[in-house]
Amino acid sequence: MKKISVFILLILAGITGSAQKGAVDKKNSKEKKFPLQLENTLLWEISGNHLAKPSYLFGTMHLLCAADAQLSDSLRFSIASVKQIYFEIDLNNMMANAMGIMKVINMNNNIKLSDLLSADEYDRVKDYFKKNSVMLPFSMLERMKPYFITALISESKFPCAEKDGMEQVIMKEAKKDNKPTNGLETVEFQASVFDSIPYKRQAKDLIKMIDSSGVAGSDSSDLQLADVYRKQDLNKMQELTADEEGMGEYLDLLLYSRNRNWVKKMPAIMHDAPALFAVGAGHLGGEMGVINLLRKAGFIVRPVKHKPGLEMEAN
């Protein structure tokens, strides 16, 4: 069950990784501008706008080597200071209903992977999974939305035996103090996002990934993303999560519209009680990122050092 839970966290909380480069939202071109080059940190304090106490924003990564999925003193302080924790989705509910969630990650209308690929392409996919074990049998994979299968392959190729995600590390810390947790989105919504991207397109991208497996340099993007995360470089993180060819038309669906929806919900949550929002780091930076949108909404969002062994301190 632990492996199933890790897998669901990867594919449902990992939509950010599918986001690609697109045009800047022209509706906001006349709004107040803020510096888009952010300090190198994953942790941010939110204040102002009549908040009685500060809330916090933390950029997560859903798949890391366990050695890199660590809390800092400042993040522990943030968790202890707030009254509630918000992830992209309610992780408690997700883990409790793991098998039910498997249903929503399947393609609609009983479509199978074999319906989307040529016979030769389908054979190449089957052959890949015969040679490379993952968390689930191929009989389950072939009905899943192809981008979820892509997430599984990424997990299996990650260069460390012990893997973890920052959400799980934060959740463990929150449970020590009985902090309630919730989600900015539902599992069903996150799974449905991929229904708006043609399954055939997803399947073709899956084939590209499988065909490039074993080719020198083919795994460099995942390793680069993890390295940028370790450096807490949100500017580079934004560039990488928005920099894959051909997906610009889906950028608003995968990133920007979700950021806007979250920022609409966050004020009421913070006014009700101080909160820590832990969402994918790729959502934080850029003009349409959560940090800039919160500032445009009138909040003060300032960087906080996030380093093991250091007390909380503003940069």
C-alpha atoms as a PDB file:
ATOM      1  CA  MET A   1       0.000   0.000   0.000  1.00  0.00           C
ATOM      2  CA  LYS A   2       2.903   2.382   0.680  1.00  0.00           C
ATOM      3  CA  LYS A   3       4.098   2.046  -2.904  1.00  0.00           C
ATOM      4  CA  ILE A   4       0.582   2.678  -4.225  1.00  0.00           C
ATOM      5  CA  SER A   5       0.294   5.793  -2.043  1.00  0.00           C
ATOM      6  CA  VAL A   6       3.635   7.161  -3.224  1.00  0.00           C
ATOM      7  CA  PHE A   7       2.596   6.546  -6.812  1.00  0.00           C
ATOM      8  CA  ILE A   8      -0.728   8.374  -6.400  1.00  0.00           C
ATOM      9  CA  LEU A   9       1.033  11.310  -4.781  1.00  0.00           C
ATOM     10  CA  LEU A  10       3.411  11.471  -7.730  1.00  0.00           C
ATOM     11  CA  ILE A  11       0.791  11.532 -10.442  1.00  0.00           C
ATOM     12  CA  LEU A  12      -1.949  13.556  -8.765  1.00  0.00           C
ATOM     13  CA  ALA A  13       0.200  16.161  -7.042  1.00  0.00           C
ATOM     14  CA  GLY A  14       2.676  16.368  -9.900  1.00  0.00           C
ATOM     15  CA  ILE A  15       0.732  18.275 -12.554  1.00  0.00           C
ATOM     16  CA  THR A  16       3.251  21.116 -12.327  1.00  0.00           C
ATOM     17  CA  GLY A  17       5.858  18.969 -14.040  1.00  0.00           C
ATOM     18  CA  SER A  18       3.729  18.814 -17.183  1.00  0.00           C
ATOM     19  CA  ALA A  19       3.484  22.594 -17.517  1.00  0.00           C
ATOM     20  CA  GLN A  20       5.157  24.199 -20.489  1.00  0.00           C
ATOM     21  CA  LYS A  21       6.068  27.613 -21.945  1.00  0.00           C
ATOM     22  CA  GLY A  22       3.249  29.923 -23.084  1.00  0.00           C
ATOM     23  CA  ALA A  23       2.352  33.559 -23.599  1.00  0.00           C
ATOM     24  CA  VAL A  24       2.088  36.033 -20.724  1.00  0.00           C
ATOM     25  CA  ASP A  25      -1.508  36.737 -19.665  1.00  0.00           C
ATOM     26  CA  LYS A  26      -2.268  40.086 -21.315  1.00  0.00           C
ATOM     27  CA  LYS A  27      -5.144  40.844 -18.932  1.00  0.00           C
ATOM     28  CA  ASN A  28      -2.596  41.606 -16.225  1.00  0.00           C
ATOM     29  CA  SER A  29      -0.276  43.722 -18.353  1.00  0.00           C
ATOM     30  CA  LYS A  30      -1.489  46.999 -16.803  1.00  0.00           C
ATOM     31  CA  GLU A  31      -1.493  45.808 -13.208  1.00  0.00           C
ATOM     32  CA  LYS A  32       1.157  46.760 -10.665  1.00  0.00           C
ATOM     33  CA  LYS A  33       4.457  45.102 -11.498  1.00  0.00           C
ATOM     34  CA  PHE A  34       6.688  43.362  -8.971  1.00  0.00           C
ATOM     35  CA  PRO A  35      10.253  42.088  -9.437  1.00  0.00           C
ATOM     36  CA  LEU A  36      10.011  38.627 -10.946  1.00  0.00           C
ATOM     37  CA  GLN A  37      13.581  37.640 -10.071  1.00  0.00           C
ATOM     38  CA  LEU A  38      13.039  35.987  -6.694  1.00  0.00           C
ATOM     39  CA  GLU A  39      15.509  35.255  -3.909  1.00  0.00           C
ATOM     40  CA  ASN A  40      16.730  31.680  -3.745  1.00  0.00           C
ATOM     41  CA  THR A  41      14.490  30.112  -1.111  1.00  0.00           C
ATOM     42  CA  LEU A  42      11.503  27.785  -1.029  1.00  0.00           C
ATOM     43  CA  LEU A  43       9.923  29.333   2.084  1.00  0.00           C
ATOM     44  CA  TRP A  44       7.965  32.615   2.116  1.00  0.00           C
ATOM     45  CA  GLU A  45       6.089  34.551   4.795  1.00  0.00           C
ATOM     46  CA  ILE A  46       2.690  36.081   3.913  1.00  0.00           C
ATOM     47  CA  SER A  47       1.524  39.113   5.901  1.00  0.00           C
ATOM     48  CA  GLY A  48      -0.348  42.400   5.504  1.00  0.00           C
ATOM     49  CA  ASN A  49      -3.829  42.849   4.085  1.00  0.00           C
ATOM     50  CA  HIS A  50      -5.309  42.813   7.629  1.00  0.00           C
ATOM     51  CA  LEU A  51      -3.937  39.387   8.531  1.00  0.00           C
ATOM     52  CA  ALA A  52      -3.756  39.056  12.323  1.00  0.00           C
ATOM     53  CA  LYS A  53      -0.790  36.675  12.087  1.00  0.00           C
ATOM     54  CA  PRO A  54       1.471  35.647   9.206  1.00  0.00           C
ATOM     55  CA  SER A  55       0.902  32.599   7.071  1.00  0.00           C
ATOM     56  CA  TYR A  56       3.550  30.787   5.043  1.00  0.00           C
ATOM     57  CA  LEU A  57       4.082  29.463   1.518  1.00  0.00           C
ATOM     58  CA  PHE A  58       6.478  26.611   0.751  1.00  0.00           C
ATOM     59  CA  GLY A  59       7.486  25.194  -2.619  1.00  0.00           C
ATOM     60  CA  THR A  60       7.501  21.402  -2.656  1.00  0.00           C
ATOM     61  CA  MET A  61       8.857  18.787  -5.016  1.00  0.00           C
ATOM     62  CA  HIS A  62       6.839  15.600  -5.225  1.00  0.00           C
ATOM     63  CA  LEU A  63       9.752  13.266  -5.944  1.00  0.00           C
ATOM     64  CA  LEU A  64      13.156  13.586  -4.326  1.00  0.00           C
ATOM     65  CA  CYS A  65      15.920  11.384  -3.053  1.00  0.00           C
ATOM     66  CA  ALA A  66      15.128  10.860   0.628  1.00  0.00           C
ATOM     67  CA  ALA A  67      18.343  12.640   1.640  1.00  0.00           C
ATOM     68  CA  ASP A  68      17.069  15.813  -0.057  1.00  0.00           C
ATOM     69  CA  ALA A  69      13.561  15.696   1.442  1.00  0.00           C
ATOM     70  CA  GLN A  70      14.453  17.366   4.708  1.00  0.00           C
ATOM     71  CA  LEU A  71      12.916  19.987   6.979  1.00  0.00           C
ATOM     72  CA  SER A  72      14.782  23.081   8.107  1.00  0.00           C
ATOM     73  CA  ASP A  73      14.407  24.811  11.465  1.00  0.00           C
ATOM     74  CA  SER A  74      12.562  27.643   9.737  1.00  0.00           C
ATOM     75  CA  LEU A  75      10.103  25.250   8.085  1.00  0.00           C
ATOM     76  CA  ARG A  76       9.541  23.460  11.392  1.00  0.00           C
ATOM     77  CA  PHE A  77       8.883  26.860  12.988  1.00  0.00           C
ATOM     78  CA  SER A  78       6.389  27.698  10.241  1.00  0.00           C
ATOM     79  CA  ILE A  79       4.527  24.424  10.734  1.00  0.00           C
ATOM     80  CA  ALA A  80       4.446  24.957  14.505  1.00  0.00           C
ATOM     81  CA  SER A  81       3.258  28.572  14.137  1.00  0.00           C
ATOM     82  CA  VAL A  82       0.230  27.978  11.912  1.00  0.00           C
ATOM     83  CA  LYS A  83      -3.126  26.412  12.731  1.00  0.00           C
ATOM     84  CA  GLN A  84      -3.635  24.499   9.482  1.00  0.00           C
ATOM     85  CA  ILE A  85      -1.719  23.009   6.541  1.00  0.00           C
ATOM     86  CA  TYR A  86      -2.923  23.178   2.942  1.00  0.00           C
ATOM     87  CA  PHE A  87      -1.471  21.006   0.183  1.00  0.00           C
ATOM     88  CA  GLU A  88      -2.550  20.946  -3.453  1.00  0.00           C
ATOM     89  CA  ILE A  89      -4.862  18.090  -2.488  1.00  0.00           C
ATOM     90  CA  ASP A  90      -5.997  16.660   0.844  1.00  0.00           C
ATOM     91  CA  LEU A  91      -3.327  14.008   1.395  1.00  0.00           C
ATOM     92  CA  ASN A  92      -5.131  12.423   4.337  1.00  0.00           C
ATOM     93  CA  ASN A  93      -8.200  11.795   2.213  1.00  0.00           C
ATOM     94  CA  MET A  94      -6.081  10.659  -0.715  1.00  0.00           C
ATOM     95  CA  MET A  95      -4.217   8.016   1.265  1.00  0.00           C
ATOM     96  CA  ALA A  96      -7.402   6.791   2.946  1.00  0.00           C
ATOM     97  CA  ASN A  97      -9.073   6.255  -0.431  1.00  0.00           C
ATOM     98  CA  ALA A  98      -6.088   5.067  -2.456  1.00  0.00           C
ATOM     99  CA  MET A  99      -7.868   2.251  -4.279  1.00  0.00           C
ATOM    100  CA  GLY A 100     -10.911   4.413  -5.086  1.00  0.00           C
ATOM    101  CA  ILE A 101      -8.612   7.043  -6.574  1.00  0.00           C
ATOM    102  CA  MET A 102      -7.214   4.482  -8.992  1.00  0.00           C
ATOM    103  CA  LYS A 103     -10.540   4.687 -10.830  1.00  0.00           C
ATOM    104  CA  VAL A 104     -10.264   8.405 -11.607  1.00  0.00           C
ATOM    105  CA  ILE A 105      -6.797   8.077 -13.115  1.00  0.00           C
ATOM    106  CA  ASN A 106      -8.050   5.745 -15.840  1.00  0.00           C
ATOM    107  CA  MET A 107      -9.006   7.076 -19.277  1.00  0.00           C
ATOM    108  CA  ASN A 108     -12.677   7.750 -19.951  1.00  0.00           C
ATOM    109  CA  ASN A 109     -14.924   5.598 -22.141  1.00  0.00           C
ATOM    110  CA  ASN A 110     -12.883   2.419 -21.528  1.00  0.00           C
ATOM    111  CA  ILE A 111     -10.112   3.672 -23.806  1.00  0.00           C
ATOM    112  CA  LYS A 112      -6.917   1.602 -23.637  1.00  0.00           C
ATOM    113  CA  LEU A 113      -3.367   2.455 -24.578  1.00  0.00           C
ATOM    114  CA  SER A 114      -3.614   0.055 -27.524  1.00  0.00           C
ATOM    115  CA  ASP A 115      -6.384   2.269 -28.968  1.00  0.00           C
ATOM    116  CA  LEU A 116      -4.011   5.245 -29.128  1.00  0.00           C
ATOM    117  CA  LEU A 117      -0.883   3.696 -30.598  1.00  0.00           C
ATOM    118  CA  SER A 118       0.104   1.712 -33.645  1.00  0.00           C
ATOM    119  CA  ALA A 119       0.710  -1.997 -33.116  1.00  0.00           C
ATOM    120  CA  ASP A 120       4.474  -1.436 -33.283  1.00  0.00           C
ATOM    121  CA  GLU A 121       4.352   1.424 -30.764  1.00  0.00           C
ATOM    122  CA  TYR A 122       2.184  -0.589 -28.391  1.00  0.00           C
ATOM    123  CA  ASP A 123       4.624  -3.512 -28.586  1.00  0.00           C
ATOM    124  CA  ARG A 124       7.480  -1.157 -27.697  1.00  0.00           C
ATOM    125  CA  VAL A 125       5.595  -0.001 -24.598  1.00  0.00           C
ATOM    126  CA  LYS A 126       4.868  -3.575 -23.496  1.00  0.00           C
ATOM    127  CA  ASP A 127       8.464  -4.566 -24.105  1.00  0.00           C
ATOM    128  CA  TYR A 128       9.694  -1.649 -21.997  1.00  0.00           C
ATOM    129  CA  PHE A 129       7.617  -2.720 -19.008  1.00  0.00           C
ATOM    130  CA  LYS A 130       8.674  -6.352 -19.397  1.00  0.00           C
ATOM    131  CA  LYS A 131      12.273  -5.220 -18.990  1.00  0.00           C
ATOM    132  CA  ASN A 132      11.667  -2.488 -16.398  1.00  0.00           C
ATOM    133  CA  SER A 133       9.613  -3.126 -13.283  1.00  0.00           C
ATOM    134  CA  VAL A 134       7.439  -0.340 -11.834  1.00  0.00           C
ATOM    135  CA  MET A 135       4.892  -0.130  -9.029  1.00  0.00           C
ATOM    136  CA  LEU A 136       1.917  -1.548 -10.961  1.00  0.00           C
ATOM    137  CA  PRO A 137       1.352  -4.397 -13.443  1.00  0.00           C
ATOM    138  CA  PHE A 138       0.968  -3.499 -17.110  1.00  0.00           C
ATOM    139  CA  SER A 139      -2.628  -4.784 -17.073  1.00  0.00           C
ATOM    140  CA  MET A 140      -3.451  -1.784 -14.851  1.00  0.00           C
ATOM    141  CA  LEU A 141      -1.218   0.687 -16.675  1.00  0.00           C
ATOM    142  CA  GLU A 142      -2.753   0.254 -20.116  1.00  0.00           C
ATOM    143  CA  ARG A 143      -6.058   1.835 -19.016  1.00  0.00           C
ATOM    144  CA  MET A 144      -4.426   4.778 -17.242  1.00  0.00           C
ATOM    145  CA  LYS A 145      -4.044   8.260 -18.661  1.00  0.00           C
ATOM    146  CA  PRO A 146      -0.666   8.102 -20.419  1.00  0.00           C
ATOM    147  CA  TYR A 147       0.876  11.037 -18.555  1.00  0.00           C
ATOM    148  CA  PHE A 148       0.389   9.082 -15.332  1.00  0.00           C
ATOM    149  CA  ILE A 149       2.391   6.241 -16.854  1.00  0.00           C
ATOM    150  CA  THR A 150       5.073   8.758 -17.773  1.00  0.00           C
ATOM    151  CA  ALA A 151       5.201   9.808 -14.093  1.00  0.00           C
ATOM    152  CA  LEU A 152       5.762   6.182 -13.100  1.00  0.00           C
ATOM    153  CA  ILE A 153       8.690   5.863 -15.498  1.00  0.00           C
ATOM    154  CA  SER A 154      10.212   9.079 -14.132  1.00  0.00           C
ATOM    155  CA  GLU A 155       9.965   7.687 -10.608  1.00  0.00           C
ATOM    156  CA  SER A 156      11.566   4.391 -11.561  1.00  0.00           C
ATOM    157  CA  LYS A 157      14.503   6.165 -13.233  1.00  0.00           C
ATOM    158  CA  PHE A 158      15.216   8.518 -10.334  1.00  0.00           C
ATOM    159  CA  PRO A 159      18.847   7.917  -9.259  1.00  0.00           C
ATOM    160  CA  CYS A 160      18.440   6.812  -5.646  1.00  0.00           C
ATOM    161  CA  ALA A 161      17.104   3.771  -3.824  1.00  0.00           C
ATOM    162  CA  GLU A 162      15.186   5.701  -1.150  1.00  0.00           C
ATOM    163  CA  LYS A 163      12.757   8.316  -2.449  1.00  0.00           C
ATOM    164  CA  ASP A 164      10.403  10.714  -0.703  1.00  0.00           C
ATOM    165  CA  GLY A 165       8.369  13.858  -1.308  1.00  0.00           C
ATOM    166  CA  MET A 166       8.322  17.097   0.655  1.00  0.00           C
ATOM    167  CA  GLU A 167       4.554  16.787   1.138  1.00  0.00           C
ATOM    168  CA  GLN A 168       4.991  13.549   3.029  1.00  0.00           C
ATOM    169  CA  VAL A 169       7.783  15.016   5.179  1.00  0.00           C
ATOM    170  CA  ILE A 170       5.636  18.053   6.044  1.00  0.00           C
ATOM    171  CA  MET A 171       2.628  15.829   6.711  1.00  0.00           C
ATOM    172  CA  LYS A 172       4.639  13.753   9.195  1.00  0.00           C
ATOM    173  CA  GLU A 173       5.748  16.884  11.050  1.00  0.00           C
ATOM    174  CA  ALA A 174       2.218  18.312  11.067  1.00  0.00           C
ATOM    175  CA  LYS A 175       0.840  15.124  12.613  1.00  0.00           C
ATOM    176  CA  LYS A 176       3.153  15.524  15.603  1.00  0.00           C
ATOM    177  CA  ASP A 177       1.198  18.642  16.608  1.00  0.00           C
ATOM    178  CA  ASN A 178      -2.159  17.361  15.348  1.00  0.00           C
ATOM    179  CA  LYS A 179      -2.317  20.126  12.732  1.00  0.00           C
ATOM    180  CA  PRO A 180      -5.366  19.752  10.457  1.00  0.00           C
ATOM    181  CA  THR A 181      -4.595  19.384   6.757  1.00  0.00           C
ATOM    182  CA  ASN A 182      -6.659  20.150   3.695  1.00  0.00           C
ATOM    183  CA  GLY A 183      -6.371  20.644  -0.058  1.00  0.00           C
ATOM    184  CA  LEU A 184      -6.728  23.591  -2.419  1.00  0.00           C
ATOM    185  CA  GLU A 185      -8.063  21.178  -5.049  1.00  0.00           C
ATOM    186  CA  THR A 186      -9.793  17.819  -5.098  1.00  0.00           C
ATOM    187  CA  VAL A 187      -8.247  14.595  -6.315  1.00  0.00           C
ATOM    188  CA  GLU A 188     -10.993  14.326  -8.919  1.00  0.00           C
ATOM    189  CA  PHE A 189     -10.158  17.776 -10.305  1.00  0.00           C
ATOM    190  CA  GLN A 190      -6.446  17.052 -10.587  1.00  0.00           C
ATOM    191  CA  ALA A 191      -7.100  13.765 -12.347  1.00  0.00           C
ATOM    192  CA  SER A 192      -9.611  15.437 -14.696  1.00  0.00           C
ATOM    193  CA  VAL A 193      -7.079  18.055 -15.822  1.00  0.00           C
ATOM    194  CA  PHE A 194      -5.452  15.449 -18.029  1.00  0.00           C
ATOM    195  CA  ASP A 195      -8.754  14.701 -19.752  1.00  0.00           C
ATOM    196  CA  SER A 196      -8.397  18.122 -21.404  1.00  0.00           C
ATOM    197  CA  ILE A 197      -5.141  17.049 -23.047  1.00  0.00           C
ATOM    198  CA  PRO A 198      -5.838  14.582 -25.884  1.00  0.00           C
ATOM    199  CA  TYR A 199      -5.024  11.039 -24.834  1.00  0.00           C
ATOM    200  CA  LYS A 200      -3.370  10.435 -28.199  1.00  0.00           C
ATOM    201  CA  ARG A 201      -1.016  13.343 -27.558  1.00  0.00           C
ATOM    202  CA  GLN A 202      -0.186  11.930 -24.127  1.00  0.00           C
ATOM    203  CA  ALA A 203       0.440   8.506 -25.634  1.00  0.00           C
ATOM    204  CA  LYS A 204       2.803   9.903 -28.255  1.00  0.00           C
ATOM    205  CA  ASP A 205       4.801  11.685 -25.530  1.00  0.00           C
ATOM    206  CA  LEU A 206       4.953   8.397 -23.618  1.00  0.00           C
ATOM    207  CA  ILE A 207       6.419   6.698 -26.691  1.00  0.00           C
ATOM    208  CA  LYS A 208       9.024   9.457 -27.012  1.00  0.00           C
ATOM    209  CA  MET A 209      10.078   8.915 -23.415  1.00  0.00           C
ATOM    210  CA  ILE A 210      10.312   5.152 -23.815  1.00  0.00           C
ATOM    211  CA  ASP A 211      12.212   5.394 -27.105  1.00  0.00           C
ATOM    212  CA  SER A 212      14.738   7.781 -25.525  1.00  0.00           C
ATOM    213  CA  SER A 213      15.261   5.514 -22.514  1.00  0.00           C
ATOM    214  CA  GLY A 214      18.887   4.539 -22.271  1.00  0.00           C
ATOM    215  CA  VAL A 215      19.995   7.253 -24.669  1.00  0.00           C
ATOM    216  CA  ALA A 216      22.862   9.303 -23.228  1.00  0.00           C
ATOM    217  CA  GLY A 217      21.552  12.501 -21.641  1.00  0.00           C
ATOM    218  CA  SER A 218      17.887  11.493 -21.886  1.00  0.00           C
ATOM    219  CA  ASP A 219      17.408  11.599 -18.097  1.00  0.00           C
ATOM    220  CA  SER A 220      19.154  14.943 -17.613  1.00  0.00           C
ATOM    221  CA  SER A 221      15.968  17.046 -17.274  1.00  0.00           C
ATOM    222  CA  ASP A 222      14.774  15.225 -14.141  1.00  0.00           C
ATOM    223  CA  LEU A 223      18.221  15.418 -12.593  1.00  0.00           C
ATOM    224  CA  GLN A 224      18.516  19.091 -13.495  1.00  0.00           C
ATOM    225  CA  LEU A 225      15.144  19.848 -11.923  1.00  0.00           C
ATOM    226  CA  ALA A 226      16.154  18.123  -8.682  1.00  0.00           C
ATOM    227  CA  ASP A 227      19.452  20.022  -8.645  1.00  0.00           C
ATOM    228  CA  VAL A 228      17.673  23.365  -9.146  1.00  0.00           C
ATOM    229  CA  TYR A 229      15.292  22.469  -6.325  1.00  0.00           C
ATOM    230  CA  ARG A 230      18.199  21.750  -3.979  1.00  0.00           C
ATOM    231  CA  LYS A 231      19.563  25.202  -4.842  1.00  0.00           C
ATOM    232  CA  GLN A 232      16.082  26.691  -4.157  1.00  0.00           C
ATOM    233  CA  ASP A 233      16.296  28.654  -7.405  1.00  0.00           C
ATOM    234  CA  LEU A 234      12.644  29.456  -8.137  1.00  0.00           C
ATOM    235  CA  ASN A 235      13.573  31.512 -11.190  1.00  0.00           C
ATOM    236  CA  LYS A 236      15.274  28.537 -12.838  1.00  0.00           C
ATOM    237  CA  MET A 237      12.538  26.230 -11.551  1.00  0.00           C
ATOM    238  CA  GLN A 238       9.932  28.340 -13.351  1.00  0.00           C
ATOM    239  CA  GLU A 239      12.021  28.227 -16.510  1.00  0.00           C
ATOM    240  CA  LEU A 240      12.387  24.441 -16.426  1.00  0.00           C
ATOM    241  CA  THR A 241       8.741  23.667 -15.630  1.00  0.00           C
ATOM    242  CA  ALA A 242       7.711  25.908 -18.531  1.00  0.00           C
ATOM    243  CA  ASP A 243      10.232  24.776 -21.095  1.00  0.00           C
ATOM    244  CA  GLU A 244       9.197  21.708 -23.044  1.00  0.00           C
ATOM    245  CA  GLU A 245       8.316  21.916 -26.690  1.00  0.00           C
ATOM    246  CA  GLY A 246       4.733  21.895 -27.944  1.00  0.00           C
ATOM    247  CA  MET A 247       2.673  22.215 -24.754  1.00  0.00           C
ATOM    248  CA  GLY A 248       2.183  25.988 -24.648  1.00  0.00           C
ATOM    249  CA  GLU A 249      -1.513  25.668 -25.397  1.00  0.00           C
ATOM    250  CA  TYR A 250      -1.996  23.743 -22.133  1.00  0.00           C
ATOM    251  CA  LEU A 251       0.050  26.038 -19.898  1.00  0.00           C
ATOM    252  CA  ASP A 252      -2.924  27.968 -18.548  1.00  0.00           C
ATOM    253  CA  LEU A 253      -4.755  24.719 -17.812  1.00  0.00           C
ATOM    254  CA  LEU A 254      -1.819  23.117 -16.004  1.00  0.00           C
ATOM    255  CA  LEU A 255      -0.373  26.099 -14.175  1.00  0.00           C
ATOM    256  CA  TYR A 256      -1.810  29.583 -14.492  1.00  0.00           C
ATOM    257  CA  SER A 257      -5.526  28.973 -14.008  1.00  0.00           C
ATOM    258  CA  ARG A 258      -4.791  26.796 -10.994  1.00  0.00           C
ATOM    259  CA  ASN A 259      -2.559  29.490  -9.489  1.00  0.00           C
ATOM    260  CA  ARG A 260      -5.325  32.067  -9.918  1.00  0.00           C
ATOM    261  CA  ASN A 261      -7.875  29.769  -8.314  1.00  0.00           C
ATOM    262  CA  TRP A 262      -5.610  29.103  -5.335  1.00  0.00           C
ATOM    263  CA  VAL A 263      -4.943  32.805  -4.742  1.00  0.00           C
ATOM    264  CA  LYS A 264      -8.701  33.447  -4.745  1.00  0.00           C
ATOM    265  CA  LYS A 265      -9.135  30.866  -1.961  1.00  0.00           C
ATOM    266  CA  MET A 266      -6.078  31.689   0.151  1.00  0.00           C
ATOM    267  CA  PRO A 267      -7.218  35.035   1.700  1.00  0.00           C
ATOM    268  CA  ALA A 268     -10.307  33.522   3.352  1.00  0.00           C
ATOM    269  CA  ILE A 269      -8.236  30.600   4.621  1.00  0.00           C
ATOM    270  CA  MET A 270      -5.567  32.893   6.093  1.00  0.00           C
ATOM    271  CA  HIS A 271      -8.096  35.245   7.688  1.00  0.00           C
ATOM    272  CA  ASP A 272      -9.783  32.254   9.292  1.00  0.00           C
ATOM    273  CA  ALA A 273      -6.514  30.963  10.779  1.00  0.00           C
ATOM    274  CA  PRO A 274      -2.777  31.156   9.953  1.00  0.00           C
ATOM    275  CA  ALA A 275      -1.868  28.530   7.373  1.00  0.00           C
ATOM    276  CA  LEU A 276       1.082  26.940   5.652  1.00  0.00           C
ATOM    277  CA  PHE A 277       0.475  26.385   1.938  1.00  0.00           C
ATOM    278  CA  ALA A 278       2.756  23.668   0.542  1.00  0.00           C
ATOM    279  CA  VAL A 279       2.431  23.463  -3.255  1.00  0.00           C
ATOM    280  CA  GLY A 280       4.693  22.522  -6.144  1.00  0.00           C
ATOM    281  CA  ALA A 281       7.688  24.871  -6.387  1.00  0.00           C
ATOM    282  CA  GLY A 282       7.003  25.390 -10.092  1.00  0.00           C
ATOM    283  CA  HIS A 283       3.832  27.272  -9.140  1.00  0.00           C
ATOM    284  CA  LEU A 284       5.634  29.958  -7.115  1.00  0.00           C
ATOM    285  CA  GLY A 285       7.706  31.981  -9.586  1.00  0.00           C
ATOM    286  CA  GLY A 286       6.976  34.066 -12.627  1.00  0.00           C
ATOM    287  CA  GLU A 287       4.431  36.768 -13.424  1.00  0.00           C
ATOM    288  CA  MET A 288       1.536  34.342 -13.038  1.00  0.00           C
ATOM    289  CA  GLY A 289       3.117  32.538 -10.082  1.00  0.00           C
ATOM    290  CA  VAL A 290       1.537  32.390  -6.643  1.00  0.00           C
ATOM    291  CA  ILE A 291       4.035  34.811  -5.070  1.00  0.00           C
ATOM    292  CA  ASN A 292       3.421  37.545  -7.649  1.00  0.00           C
ATOM    293  CA  LEU A 293      -0.364  37.012  -7.607  1.00  0.00           C
ATOM    294  CA  LEU A 294      -0.470  37.306  -3.811  1.00  0.00           C
ATOM    295  CA  ARG A 295       1.509  40.543  -3.992  1.00  0.00           C
ATOM    296  CA  LYS A 296      -0.870  41.906  -6.604  1.00  0.00           C
ATOM    297  CA  ALA A 297      -3.720  41.009  -4.242  1.00  0.00           C
ATOM    298  CA  GLY A 298      -2.171  43.292  -1.598  1.00  0.00           C
ATOM    299  CA  PHE A 299      -0.225  40.836   0.560  1.00  0.00           C
ATOM    300  CA  ILE A 300       3.379  41.238   1.662  1.00  0.00           C
ATOM    301  CA  VAL A 301       5.285  38.129   0.623  1.00  0.00           C
ATOM    302  CA  ARG A 302       8.855  38.021   1.861  1.00  0.00           C
ATOM    303  CA  PRO A 303      11.567  35.354   1.612  1.00  0.00           C
ATOM    304  CA  VAL A 304      12.580  33.281   4.624  1.00  0.00           C
ATOM    305  CA  LYS A 305      15.823  31.305   4.815  1.00  0.00           C
ATOM    306  CA  HIS A 306      15.299  27.570   4.467  1.00  0.00           C
ATOM    307  CA  LYS A 307      18.471  25.817   5.550  1.00  0.00           C
ATOM    308  CA  PRO A 308      18.873  22.912   7.980  1.00  0.00           C
ATOM    309  CA  GLY A 309      20.207  24.043  11.339  1.00  0.00           C
ATOM    310  CA  LEU A 310      19.313  27.729  10.955  1.00  0.00           C
ATOM    311  CA  GLU A 311      16.671  29.642  12.906  1.00  0.00           C
ATOM    312  CA  MET A 312      14.002  31.411  10.891  1.00  0.00           C
ATOM    313  CA  GLU A 313      15.378  34.643   9.491  1.00  0.00           C
ATOM    314  CA  ALA A 314      14.316  36.946   6.676  1.00  0.00           C
ATOM    315  CA  ASN A 315      16.694  37.118   3.739  1.00  0.00           C
END
